[in-house]
Amino acid sequence: MGSACRMKYKFLGSPLGKIEISGCEAGVHRIKLLEKRFQRPDSSSPDSHEASFAGECLEGPREVVTALDKCAAWLEAYFYAPERLGDLPLPAFHHPLFQQDSFRRQVLWKLVTAVKLGDTISYQQLAALVGKSRAARAVGGVMRDNPVPIIIPCHRVIYSNGRIGNYTGGVGVKEWLLDHEKHLKRKWAN
């Protein structure tokens, strides 16, 4: 987050509690879960999310507002209208991690492209996908430092033995996200 970035923030409600999105005119820097409050993954009704998703955005250049709004729209679709996700592009990211070609960036982009909603992958499998089959621990570090969770779905990375493992937002959040996606996958399969 270089000194040239003028950070702005947007706050929104979700089934997991309040989320903060921060970014600059070039894109989103971070997504943070500020409070944990769980709503059952299958209990959201289309009418109930309007008030809970109302966000507040600090004054700032229109470009920043647009970048944050695009991110909020993506998150809203993820939680409440996942059938729209295919129509929404990923928001632009401008965290320093995405500004350099590195192992960390390769892992995060591979995760986005290779592991679809409702699926999981092991740390070891993800390491192999980026050509570093012995780097499972390093992949775990990348997941821990993911600046834009949910959109870059680090919650979909689990241990080889099937245990779900840790999550920056807490194991309960990871369980909720995986259950939410499993519920959606079952719903679409019918």
N, C-alpha and C. Protein backbone atom coordinates (compact mmCIF):
# COMPACT_ATOMS: atom_id res chain seq x y z
N MET A 1 0.83 -1.17 0.00
CA MET A 1 0.00 0.00 0.00
C MET A 1 0.88 1.23 0.00
N GLY A 2 1.37 1.55 -1.15
CA GLY A 2 2.31 2.65 -1.26
C GLY A 2 1.70 3.97 -0.85
N SER A 3 2.57 4.96 -0.66
CA SER A 3 2.12 6.27 -0.21
C SER A 3 1.25 6.96 -1.24
N ALA A 4 1.30 6.53 -2.51
CA ALA A 4 0.48 7.13 -3.55
C ALA A 4 -0.99 6.73 -3.43
N CYS A 5 -1.29 5.69 -2.70
CA CYS A 5 -2.67 5.22 -2.57
C CYS A 5 -3.42 6.04 -1.53
N ARG A 6 -4.55 6.58 -1.94
CA ARG A 6 -5.46 7.28 -1.02
C ARG A 6 -6.55 6.29 -0.65
N MET A 7 -6.42 5.69 0.53
CA MET A 7 -7.33 4.62 0.94
C MET A 7 -8.70 5.16 1.32
N LYS A 8 -9.71 4.40 0.90
CA LYS A 8 -11.10 4.64 1.27
C LYS A 8 -11.67 3.31 1.75
N TYR A 9 -12.79 3.38 2.45
CA TYR A 9 -13.36 2.19 3.07
C TYR A 9 -14.86 2.10 2.81
N LYS A 10 -15.33 0.89 2.70
CA LYS A 10 -16.77 0.63 2.58
C LYS A 10 -17.08 -0.48 3.58
N PHE A 11 -18.18 -0.35 4.28
CA PHE A 11 -18.60 -1.33 5.27
C PHE A 11 -19.93 -1.91 4.83
N LEU A 12 -20.08 -3.21 4.97
CA LEU A 12 -21.33 -3.83 4.59
C LEU A 12 -21.65 -4.98 5.52
N GLY A 13 -22.92 -5.28 5.62
CA GLY A 13 -23.36 -6.40 6.42
C GLY A 13 -23.37 -7.66 5.58
N SER A 14 -23.27 -8.79 6.24
CA SER A 14 -23.30 -10.08 5.56
C SER A 14 -23.81 -11.12 6.56
N PRO A 15 -24.08 -12.34 6.10
CA PRO A 15 -24.47 -13.40 7.03
C PRO A 15 -23.38 -13.72 8.04
N LEU A 16 -22.16 -13.25 7.80
CA LEU A 16 -21.05 -13.48 8.72
C LEU A 16 -20.77 -12.29 9.62
N GLY A 17 -21.52 -11.22 9.48
CA GLY A 17 -21.29 -10.01 10.25
C GLY A 17 -20.78 -8.90 9.35
N LYS A 18 -20.27 -7.84 9.98
CA LYS A 18 -19.83 -6.66 9.24
C LYS A 18 -18.50 -6.92 8.53
N ILE A 19 -18.43 -6.49 7.27
CA ILE A 19 -17.22 -6.65 6.45
C ILE A 19 -16.72 -5.26 6.07
N GLU A 20 -15.40 -5.08 6.13
CA GLU A 20 -14.76 -3.84 5.68
C GLU A 20 -14.02 -4.12 4.39
N ILE A 21 -14.26 -3.27 3.38
CA ILE A 21 -13.52 -3.33 2.13
C ILE A 21 -12.70 -2.05 2.07
N SER A 22 -11.40 -2.17 1.84
CA SER A 22 -10.56 -0.98 1.69
C SER A 22 -9.90 -1.01 0.32
N GLY A 23 -9.67 0.18 -0.21
CA GLY A 23 -9.04 0.25 -1.51
C GLY A 23 -8.70 1.67 -1.90
N CYS A 24 -8.11 1.78 -3.08
CA CYS A 24 -7.74 3.07 -3.64
C CYS A 24 -8.32 3.15 -5.05
N GLU A 25 -7.98 4.19 -5.78
CA GLU A 25 -8.53 4.36 -7.13
C GLU A 25 -8.14 3.23 -8.08
N ALA A 26 -7.06 2.51 -7.78
CA ALA A 26 -6.60 1.43 -8.66
C ALA A 26 -7.26 0.09 -8.34
N GLY A 27 -7.90 -0.04 -7.18
CA GLY A 27 -8.57 -1.29 -6.85
C GLY A 27 -8.63 -1.58 -5.37
N VAL A 28 -9.12 -2.76 -5.07
CA VAL A 28 -9.32 -3.21 -3.70
C VAL A 28 -7.98 -3.66 -3.09
N HIS A 29 -7.76 -3.26 -1.86
CA HIS A 29 -6.56 -3.69 -1.12
C HIS A 29 -6.87 -4.83 -0.17
N ARG A 30 -7.97 -4.71 0.58
CA ARG A 30 -8.27 -5.71 1.61
C ARG A 30 -9.76 -5.90 1.80
N ILE A 31 -10.08 -7.10 2.25
CA ILE A 31 -11.42 -7.43 2.75
C ILE A 31 -11.21 -8.00 4.14
N LYS A 32 -11.90 -7.41 5.12
CA LYS A 32 -11.77 -7.88 6.51
C LYS A 32 -13.13 -8.15 7.11
N LEU A 33 -13.23 -9.25 7.81
CA LEU A 33 -14.43 -9.55 8.58
C LEU A 33 -14.25 -8.89 9.94
N LEU A 34 -15.11 -7.93 10.26
CA LEU A 34 -14.95 -7.16 11.49
C LEU A 34 -15.64 -7.78 12.69
N GLU A 35 -16.72 -8.50 12.46
CA GLU A 35 -17.42 -9.15 13.56
C GLU A 35 -17.95 -10.47 13.05
N LYS A 36 -18.08 -11.42 13.92
CA LYS A 36 -18.57 -12.74 13.52
C LYS A 36 -19.95 -12.97 14.08
N ARG A 37 -20.89 -13.14 13.18
CA ARG A 37 -22.27 -13.44 13.53
C ARG A 37 -22.76 -14.34 12.42
N PHE A 38 -23.10 -15.54 12.77
CA PHE A 38 -23.43 -16.52 11.74
C PHE A 38 -24.92 -16.67 11.54
N GLN A 39 -25.31 -16.69 10.27
CA GLN A 39 -26.67 -16.98 9.85
C GLN A 39 -26.55 -18.28 9.07
N ARG A 40 -27.46 -19.21 9.28
CA ARG A 40 -27.36 -20.48 8.57
C ARG A 40 -27.24 -20.25 7.07
N PRO A 41 -26.32 -20.99 6.39
CA PRO A 41 -26.12 -20.79 4.96
C PRO A 41 -27.38 -20.91 4.12
N ASP A 42 -28.34 -21.70 4.55
CA ASP A 42 -29.54 -21.90 3.74
C ASP A 42 -30.71 -21.05 4.20
N SER A 43 -30.48 -20.08 5.11
CA SER A 43 -31.60 -19.35 5.70
C SER A 43 -31.81 -17.96 5.12
N SER A 44 -30.98 -17.52 4.20
CA SER A 44 -31.16 -16.16 3.68
C SER A 44 -32.31 -16.12 2.70
N SER A 45 -33.15 -15.14 2.87
CA SER A 45 -34.23 -14.95 1.91
C SER A 45 -33.89 -13.73 1.07
N PRO A 46 -34.31 -13.70 -0.18
CA PRO A 46 -33.96 -12.58 -1.04
C PRO A 46 -34.40 -11.24 -0.48
N ASP A 47 -35.48 -11.20 0.27
CA ASP A 47 -35.98 -9.93 0.79
C ASP A 47 -35.20 -9.45 2.01
N SER A 48 -34.57 -10.37 2.74
CA SER A 48 -33.96 -10.00 4.01
C SER A 48 -32.59 -9.37 3.88
N HIS A 49 -31.94 -9.48 2.74
CA HIS A 49 -30.57 -8.99 2.68
C HIS A 49 -30.44 -7.52 2.34
N GLU A 50 -31.47 -6.88 1.85
CA GLU A 50 -31.34 -5.48 1.44
C GLU A 50 -30.83 -4.59 2.58
N ALA A 51 -31.47 -4.66 3.73
CA ALA A 51 -31.07 -3.80 4.83
C ALA A 51 -29.71 -4.21 5.38
N SER A 52 -29.45 -5.51 5.45
CA SER A 52 -28.19 -5.94 6.04
C SER A 52 -27.01 -5.64 5.13
N PHE A 53 -27.24 -5.45 3.83
CA PHE A 53 -26.12 -5.20 2.94
C PHE A 53 -25.93 -3.72 2.65
N ALA A 54 -26.76 -2.87 3.24
CA ALA A 54 -26.57 -1.44 3.03
C ALA A 54 -25.21 -1.04 3.58
N GLY A 55 -24.40 -0.41 2.77
CA GLY A 55 -23.05 -0.05 3.19
C GLY A 55 -22.90 1.44 3.33
N GLU A 56 -21.81 1.82 3.92
CA GLU A 56 -21.49 3.23 4.01
C GLU A 56 -20.12 3.41 3.38
N CYS A 57 -19.96 4.45 2.64
CA CYS A 57 -18.71 4.68 1.95
C CYS A 57 -18.22 6.07 2.29
N LEU A 58 -16.98 6.20 2.65
CA LEU A 58 -16.43 7.51 2.95
C LEU A 58 -16.31 8.32 1.67
N GLU A 59 -16.39 9.62 1.80
CA GLU A 59 -16.25 10.50 0.65
C GLU A 59 -14.90 10.24 -0.02
N GLY A 60 -14.89 10.34 -1.32
CA GLY A 60 -13.63 10.14 -2.01
C GLY A 60 -13.83 10.21 -3.50
N PRO A 61 -12.74 10.08 -4.24
CA PRO A 61 -12.83 10.12 -5.69
C PRO A 61 -13.80 9.05 -6.19
N ARG A 62 -14.54 9.33 -7.23
CA ARG A 62 -15.55 8.40 -7.76
C ARG A 62 -14.91 7.07 -8.15
N GLU A 63 -13.67 7.07 -8.64
CA GLU A 63 -13.02 5.82 -9.03
C GLU A 63 -12.89 4.87 -7.84
N VAL A 64 -12.58 5.41 -6.68
CA VAL A 64 -12.44 4.57 -5.49
C VAL A 64 -13.80 3.99 -5.12
N VAL A 65 -14.81 4.83 -5.14
CA VAL A 65 -16.14 4.37 -4.80
C VAL A 65 -16.54 3.25 -5.77
N THR A 66 -16.25 3.41 -7.04
CA THR A 66 -16.58 2.40 -8.04
C THR A 66 -15.88 1.08 -7.74
N ALA A 67 -14.59 1.11 -7.44
CA ALA A 67 -13.85 -0.12 -7.14
C ALA A 67 -14.44 -0.82 -5.91
N LEU A 68 -14.75 -0.07 -4.89
CA LEU A 68 -15.32 -0.66 -3.68
C LEU A 68 -16.73 -1.16 -3.93
N ASP A 69 -17.50 -0.41 -4.72
CA ASP A 69 -18.86 -0.85 -5.05
C ASP A 69 -18.85 -2.15 -5.84
N LYS A 70 -17.91 -2.29 -6.78
CA LYS A 70 -17.82 -3.54 -7.55
C LYS A 70 -17.50 -4.72 -6.64
N CYS A 71 -16.63 -4.49 -5.67
CA CYS A 71 -16.29 -5.54 -4.71
C CYS A 71 -17.51 -5.88 -3.86
N ALA A 72 -18.22 -4.87 -3.40
CA ALA A 72 -19.41 -5.10 -2.59
C ALA A 72 -20.47 -5.84 -3.39
N ALA A 73 -20.62 -5.50 -4.67
CA ALA A 73 -21.60 -6.20 -5.53
C ALA A 73 -21.22 -7.67 -5.68
N TRP A 74 -19.93 -7.95 -5.81
CA TRP A 74 -19.47 -9.34 -5.93
C TRP A 74 -19.80 -10.09 -4.64
N LEU A 75 -19.49 -9.49 -3.50
CA LEU A 75 -19.77 -10.14 -2.21
C LEU A 75 -21.27 -10.35 -2.01
N GLU A 76 -22.07 -9.35 -2.38
CA GLU A 76 -23.52 -9.49 -2.26
C GLU A 76 -24.01 -10.68 -3.09
N ALA A 77 -23.51 -10.80 -4.32
CA ALA A 77 -23.91 -11.93 -5.16
C ALA A 77 -23.46 -13.24 -4.52
N TYR A 78 -22.25 -13.29 -3.99
CA TYR A 78 -21.75 -14.51 -3.36
C TYR A 78 -22.67 -14.97 -2.25
N PHE A 79 -23.07 -14.04 -1.40
CA PHE A 79 -23.89 -14.40 -0.25
C PHE A 79 -25.36 -14.62 -0.59
N TYR A 80 -25.90 -13.82 -1.49
CA TYR A 80 -27.35 -13.80 -1.67
C TYR A 80 -27.86 -14.18 -3.06
N ALA A 81 -27.04 -14.09 -4.09
CA ALA A 81 -27.49 -14.41 -5.44
C ALA A 81 -26.34 -15.04 -6.23
N PRO A 82 -25.83 -16.18 -5.77
CA PRO A 82 -24.64 -16.76 -6.39
C PRO A 82 -24.80 -17.11 -7.87
N GLU A 83 -26.04 -17.24 -8.31
CA GLU A 83 -26.25 -17.51 -9.74
C GLU A 83 -25.77 -16.34 -10.59
N ARG A 84 -25.61 -15.16 -10.01
CA ARG A 84 -25.12 -13.97 -10.73
C ARG A 84 -23.60 -13.90 -10.79
N LEU A 85 -22.89 -14.70 -9.99
CA LEU A 85 -21.44 -14.59 -9.94
C LEU A 85 -20.77 -14.75 -11.30
N GLY A 86 -21.31 -15.63 -12.14
CA GLY A 86 -20.72 -15.84 -13.45
C GLY A 86 -20.79 -14.61 -14.34
N ASP A 87 -21.73 -13.70 -14.04
CA ASP A 87 -21.88 -12.48 -14.82
C ASP A 87 -21.03 -11.33 -14.29
N LEU A 88 -20.46 -11.50 -13.11
CA LEU A 88 -19.70 -10.41 -12.49
C LEU A 88 -18.20 -10.66 -12.61
N PRO A 89 -17.47 -9.71 -13.14
CA PRO A 89 -16.01 -9.87 -13.15
C PRO A 89 -15.46 -9.69 -11.74
N LEU A 90 -14.30 -10.26 -11.50
CA LEU A 90 -13.64 -10.01 -10.23
C LEU A 90 -13.30 -8.53 -10.15
N PRO A 91 -13.41 -7.93 -8.97
CA PRO A 91 -13.01 -6.53 -8.86
C PRO A 91 -11.50 -6.40 -9.08
N ALA A 92 -11.07 -5.21 -9.44
CA ALA A 92 -9.63 -4.95 -9.58
C ALA A 92 -9.00 -4.99 -8.19
N PHE A 93 -7.81 -5.59 -8.10
CA PHE A 93 -7.07 -5.65 -6.84
C PHE A 93 -5.84 -4.76 -6.96
N HIS A 94 -5.51 -4.06 -5.87
CA HIS A 94 -4.32 -3.22 -5.89
C HIS A 94 -3.46 -3.39 -4.65
N HIS A 95 -3.67 -4.43 -3.89
CA HIS A 95 -2.78 -4.75 -2.77
C HIS A 95 -1.39 -5.00 -3.36
N PRO A 96 -0.31 -4.62 -2.67
CA PRO A 96 1.04 -4.82 -3.22
C PRO A 96 1.33 -6.26 -3.66
N LEU A 97 0.72 -7.22 -3.02
CA LEU A 97 0.90 -8.62 -3.39
C LEU A 97 0.57 -8.87 -4.87
N PHE A 98 -0.42 -8.16 -5.38
CA PHE A 98 -0.84 -8.36 -6.76
C PHE A 98 -0.05 -7.52 -7.75
N GLN A 99 0.87 -6.71 -7.27
CA GLN A 99 1.64 -5.84 -8.14
C GLN A 99 3.00 -6.43 -8.53
N GLN A 100 3.27 -7.64 -8.09
CA GLN A 100 4.54 -8.27 -8.40
C GLN A 100 4.32 -9.72 -8.79
N ASP A 101 5.18 -10.21 -9.64
CA ASP A 101 5.09 -11.62 -10.02
C ASP A 101 5.83 -12.41 -8.95
N SER A 102 5.11 -13.21 -8.21
CA SER A 102 5.71 -13.96 -7.11
C SER A 102 4.98 -15.28 -6.93
N PHE A 103 5.58 -16.15 -6.13
CA PHE A 103 4.95 -17.41 -5.78
C PHE A 103 3.60 -17.16 -5.14
N ARG A 104 3.53 -16.19 -4.23
CA ARG A 104 2.27 -15.88 -3.53
C ARG A 104 1.17 -15.49 -4.52
N ARG A 105 1.50 -14.63 -5.46
CA ARG A 105 0.51 -14.21 -6.45
C ARG A 105 0.09 -15.39 -7.33
N GLN A 106 1.05 -16.21 -7.74
CA GLN A 106 0.73 -17.38 -8.57
C GLN A 106 -0.23 -18.32 -7.84
N VAL A 107 0.02 -18.55 -6.56
CA VAL A 107 -0.84 -19.44 -5.77
C VAL A 107 -2.26 -18.89 -5.70
N LEU A 108 -2.39 -17.60 -5.40
CA LEU A 108 -3.73 -17.01 -5.27
C LEU A 108 -4.49 -17.04 -6.60
N TRP A 109 -3.83 -16.72 -7.70
CA TRP A 109 -4.52 -16.74 -9.00
C TRP A 109 -4.86 -18.16 -9.42
N LYS A 110 -3.99 -19.11 -9.14
CA LYS A 110 -4.28 -20.51 -9.46
C LYS A 110 -5.50 -20.98 -8.67
N LEU A 111 -5.58 -20.59 -7.42
CA LEU A 111 -6.72 -20.95 -6.58
C LEU A 111 -8.02 -20.42 -7.19
N VAL A 112 -8.02 -19.17 -7.62
CA VAL A 112 -9.21 -18.56 -8.21
C VAL A 112 -9.64 -19.32 -9.47
N THR A 113 -8.69 -19.69 -10.30
CA THR A 113 -9.04 -20.30 -11.58
C THR A 113 -9.29 -21.80 -11.50
N ALA A 114 -8.67 -22.49 -10.56
CA ALA A 114 -8.73 -23.95 -10.54
C ALA A 114 -9.78 -24.54 -9.60
N VAL A 115 -10.17 -23.83 -8.58
CA VAL A 115 -11.06 -24.41 -7.56
C VAL A 115 -12.39 -23.66 -7.57
N LYS A 116 -13.39 -24.33 -8.07
CA LYS A 116 -14.70 -23.71 -8.25
C LYS A 116 -15.53 -23.74 -6.97
N LEU A 117 -16.58 -22.93 -6.96
CA LEU A 117 -17.49 -22.83 -5.84
C LEU A 117 -18.00 -24.22 -5.45
N GLY A 118 -17.86 -24.55 -4.17
CA GLY A 118 -18.33 -25.84 -3.67
C GLY A 118 -17.28 -26.93 -3.68
N ASP A 119 -16.12 -26.66 -4.27
CA ASP A 119 -15.04 -27.65 -4.32
C ASP A 119 -13.95 -27.27 -3.32
N THR A 120 -13.10 -28.23 -3.00
CA THR A 120 -11.95 -27.97 -2.14
C THR A 120 -10.71 -28.56 -2.79
N ILE A 121 -9.56 -28.14 -2.29
CA ILE A 121 -8.26 -28.62 -2.75
C ILE A 121 -7.35 -28.66 -1.54
N SER A 122 -6.39 -29.56 -1.53
CA SER A 122 -5.45 -29.60 -0.40
C SER A 122 -4.31 -28.61 -0.65
N TYR A 123 -3.66 -28.25 0.43
CA TYR A 123 -2.50 -27.36 0.33
C TYR A 123 -1.46 -27.98 -0.61
N GLN A 124 -1.25 -29.29 -0.47
CA GLN A 124 -0.28 -29.99 -1.30
C GLN A 124 -0.69 -29.99 -2.78
N GLN A 125 -1.97 -30.23 -3.06
CA GLN A 125 -2.45 -30.21 -4.45
C GLN A 125 -2.30 -28.83 -5.07
N LEU A 126 -2.58 -27.79 -4.30
CA LEU A 126 -2.44 -26.44 -4.82
C LEU A 126 -0.97 -26.11 -5.09
N ALA A 127 -0.10 -26.56 -4.21
CA ALA A 127 1.34 -26.35 -4.43
C ALA A 127 1.77 -27.03 -5.73
N ALA A 128 1.28 -28.25 -5.97
CA ALA A 128 1.63 -28.96 -7.20
C ALA A 128 1.10 -28.23 -8.44
N LEU A 129 -0.08 -27.64 -8.33
CA LEU A 129 -0.65 -26.91 -9.47
C LEU A 129 0.20 -25.72 -9.91
N VAL A 130 0.94 -25.14 -8.98
CA VAL A 130 1.82 -24.03 -9.35
C VAL A 130 3.26 -24.49 -9.57
N GLY A 131 3.44 -25.82 -9.64
CA GLY A 131 4.76 -26.35 -9.97
C GLY A 131 5.73 -26.45 -8.81
N LYS A 132 5.23 -26.40 -7.60
CA LYS A 132 6.09 -26.48 -6.40
C LYS A 132 5.52 -27.53 -5.45
N SER A 133 5.53 -28.78 -5.85
CA SER A 133 4.84 -29.83 -5.10
C SER A 133 5.30 -29.98 -3.65
N ARG A 134 6.47 -29.51 -3.32
CA ARG A 134 6.96 -29.61 -1.93
C ARG A 134 6.69 -28.36 -1.11
N ALA A 135 5.87 -27.47 -1.62
CA ALA A 135 5.66 -26.17 -0.96
C ALA A 135 4.30 -26.06 -0.26
N ALA A 136 3.79 -27.16 0.25
CA ALA A 136 2.48 -27.13 0.91
C ALA A 136 2.45 -26.14 2.08
N ARG A 137 3.51 -26.11 2.87
CA ARG A 137 3.56 -25.17 4.01
C ARG A 137 3.57 -23.73 3.52
N ALA A 138 4.31 -23.47 2.46
CA ALA A 138 4.35 -22.12 1.90
C ALA A 138 2.98 -21.72 1.39
N VAL A 139 2.25 -22.66 0.80
CA VAL A 139 0.88 -22.39 0.36
C VAL A 139 0.02 -22.02 1.56
N GLY A 140 0.20 -22.70 2.68
CA GLY A 140 -0.52 -22.36 3.90
C GLY A 140 -0.24 -20.93 4.33
N GLY A 141 1.01 -20.50 4.21
CA GLY A 141 1.36 -19.11 4.53
C GLY A 141 0.69 -18.11 3.60
N VAL A 142 0.61 -18.48 2.33
CA VAL A 142 -0.07 -17.61 1.36
C VAL A 142 -1.55 -17.49 1.73
N MET A 143 -2.18 -18.60 2.11
CA MET A 143 -3.59 -18.56 2.48
C MET A 143 -3.79 -17.67 3.71
N ARG A 144 -2.87 -17.78 4.66
CA ARG A 144 -2.96 -16.98 5.90
C ARG A 144 -2.86 -15.49 5.58
N ASP A 145 -2.06 -15.12 4.57
CA ASP A 145 -1.83 -13.72 4.25
C ASP A 145 -2.71 -13.20 3.11
N ASN A 146 -3.68 -13.98 2.66
CA ASN A 146 -4.56 -13.56 1.56
C ASN A 146 -5.27 -12.26 1.94
N PRO A 147 -5.04 -11.17 1.21
CA PRO A 147 -5.66 -9.90 1.58
C PRO A 147 -7.13 -9.77 1.18
N VAL A 148 -7.60 -10.64 0.28
CA VAL A 148 -8.99 -10.53 -0.19
C VAL A 148 -9.71 -11.88 -0.09
N PRO A 149 -9.89 -12.36 1.16
CA PRO A 149 -10.58 -13.63 1.34
C PRO A 149 -12.01 -13.57 0.80
N ILE A 150 -12.58 -14.69 0.63
CA ILE A 150 -13.89 -14.95 0.04
C ILE A 150 -13.79 -14.82 -1.48
N ILE A 151 -13.37 -13.64 -1.98
CA ILE A 151 -13.23 -13.50 -3.43
C ILE A 151 -12.10 -14.40 -3.93
N ILE A 152 -10.95 -14.34 -3.28
CA ILE A 152 -9.91 -15.34 -3.54
C ILE A 152 -10.12 -16.38 -2.44
N PRO A 153 -10.70 -17.53 -2.81
CA PRO A 153 -11.32 -18.46 -1.86
C PRO A 153 -10.35 -19.35 -1.08
N CYS A 154 -9.56 -18.74 -0.21
CA CYS A 154 -8.61 -19.51 0.59
C CYS A 154 -9.34 -20.48 1.52
N HIS A 155 -10.63 -20.26 1.78
CA HIS A 155 -11.41 -21.17 2.61
C HIS A 155 -11.58 -22.54 1.94
N ARG A 156 -11.35 -22.63 0.63
CA ARG A 156 -11.50 -23.89 -0.09
C ARG A 156 -10.25 -24.77 0.00
N VAL A 157 -9.21 -24.30 0.67
CA VAL A 157 -7.97 -25.07 0.80
C VAL A 157 -7.98 -25.78 2.15
N ILE A 158 -7.84 -27.11 2.09
CA ILE A 158 -7.93 -27.94 3.29
C ILE A 158 -6.71 -28.87 3.37
N TYR A 159 -6.59 -29.60 4.47
CA TYR A 159 -5.52 -30.57 4.62
C TYR A 159 -5.77 -31.79 3.74
N SER A 160 -4.72 -32.50 3.40
CA SER A 160 -4.83 -33.71 2.57
C SER A 160 -5.69 -34.78 3.23
N ASN A 161 -5.73 -34.80 4.57
CA ASN A 161 -6.51 -35.81 5.28
C ASN A 161 -8.00 -35.44 5.40
N GLY A 162 -8.40 -34.31 4.81
CA GLY A 162 -9.80 -33.91 4.83
C GLY A 162 -10.16 -32.92 5.92
N ARG A 163 -9.28 -32.74 6.92
CA ARG A 163 -9.56 -31.73 7.96
C ARG A 163 -9.55 -30.35 7.31
N ILE A 164 -10.40 -29.44 7.82
CA ILE A 164 -10.50 -28.16 7.14
C ILE A 164 -9.34 -27.21 7.42
N GLY A 165 -8.67 -27.37 8.54
CA GLY A 165 -7.52 -26.51 8.83
C GLY A 165 -7.92 -25.14 9.36
N ASN A 166 -6.94 -24.28 9.46
CA ASN A 166 -7.14 -22.95 10.04
C ASN A 166 -7.69 -21.97 9.01
N TYR A 167 -8.09 -20.80 9.52
CA TYR A 167 -8.58 -19.74 8.66
C TYR A 167 -8.39 -18.42 9.40
N THR A 168 -7.95 -17.41 8.69
CA THR A 168 -7.69 -16.12 9.32
C THR A 168 -8.92 -15.58 10.05
N GLY A 169 -10.10 -15.77 9.46
CA GLY A 169 -11.33 -15.30 10.09
C GLY A 169 -11.83 -16.21 11.19
N GLY A 170 -11.15 -17.32 11.40
CA GLY A 170 -11.56 -18.31 12.40
C GLY A 170 -12.13 -19.55 11.73
N VAL A 171 -11.99 -20.68 12.40
CA VAL A 171 -12.46 -21.96 11.85
C VAL A 171 -13.97 -21.92 11.62
N GLY A 172 -14.72 -21.25 12.50
CA GLY A 172 -16.17 -21.16 12.33
C GLY A 172 -16.55 -20.46 11.03
N VAL A 173 -15.81 -19.44 10.66
CA VAL A 173 -16.07 -18.74 9.40
C VAL A 173 -15.76 -19.66 8.22
N LYS A 174 -14.65 -20.37 8.29
CA LYS A 174 -14.30 -21.29 7.21
C LYS A 174 -15.37 -22.37 7.05
N GLU A 175 -15.81 -22.93 8.17
CA GLU A 175 -16.88 -23.93 8.13
C GLU A 175 -18.14 -23.36 7.50
N TRP A 176 -18.50 -22.12 7.88
CA TRP A 176 -19.70 -21.50 7.34
C TRP A 176 -19.58 -21.34 5.82
N LEU A 177 -18.44 -20.82 5.36
CA LEU A 177 -18.24 -20.61 3.92
C LEU A 177 -18.31 -21.92 3.14
N LEU A 178 -17.67 -22.97 3.66
CA LEU A 178 -17.71 -24.27 2.99
C LEU A 178 -19.14 -24.84 2.98
N ASP A 179 -19.86 -24.70 4.10
CA ASP A 179 -21.25 -25.17 4.16
C ASP A 179 -22.14 -24.38 3.19
N HIS A 180 -21.93 -23.07 3.13
CA HIS A 180 -22.68 -22.21 2.21
C HIS A 180 -22.50 -22.69 0.77
N GLU A 181 -21.26 -22.96 0.40
CA GLU A 181 -20.98 -23.39 -0.96
C GLU A 181 -21.49 -24.81 -1.24
N LYS A 182 -21.39 -25.69 -0.26
CA LYS A 182 -21.93 -27.05 -0.45
C LYS A 182 -23.44 -27.00 -0.63
N HIS A 183 -24.10 -26.16 0.15
CA HIS A 183 -25.55 -25.99 0.03
C HIS A 183 -25.90 -25.49 -1.38
N LEU A 184 -25.15 -24.50 -1.88
CA LEU A 184 -25.42 -23.97 -3.22
C LEU A 184 -25.17 -25.01 -4.29
N LYS A 185 -24.10 -25.78 -4.15
CA LYS A 185 -23.76 -26.81 -5.13
C LYS A 185 -24.87 -27.87 -5.19
N ARG A 186 -25.37 -28.28 -4.02
CA ARG A 186 -26.48 -29.25 -3.98
C ARG A 186 -27.73 -28.66 -4.62
N LYS A 187 -28.00 -27.42 -4.32
CA LYS A 187 -29.19 -26.74 -4.86
C LYS A 187 -29.13 -26.68 -6.38
N TRP A 188 -27.96 -26.38 -6.94
CA TRP A 188 -27.81 -26.27 -8.39
C TRP A 188 -27.83 -27.64 -9.05
N ALA A 189 -27.44 -28.67 -8.31
CA ALA A 189 -27.42 -30.03 -8.87
C ALA A 189 -28.82 -30.57 -9.06
N ASN A 190 -29.77 -30.07 -8.30
CA ASN A 190 -31.16 -30.56 -8.38
C ASN A 190 -31.94 -29.90 -9.49
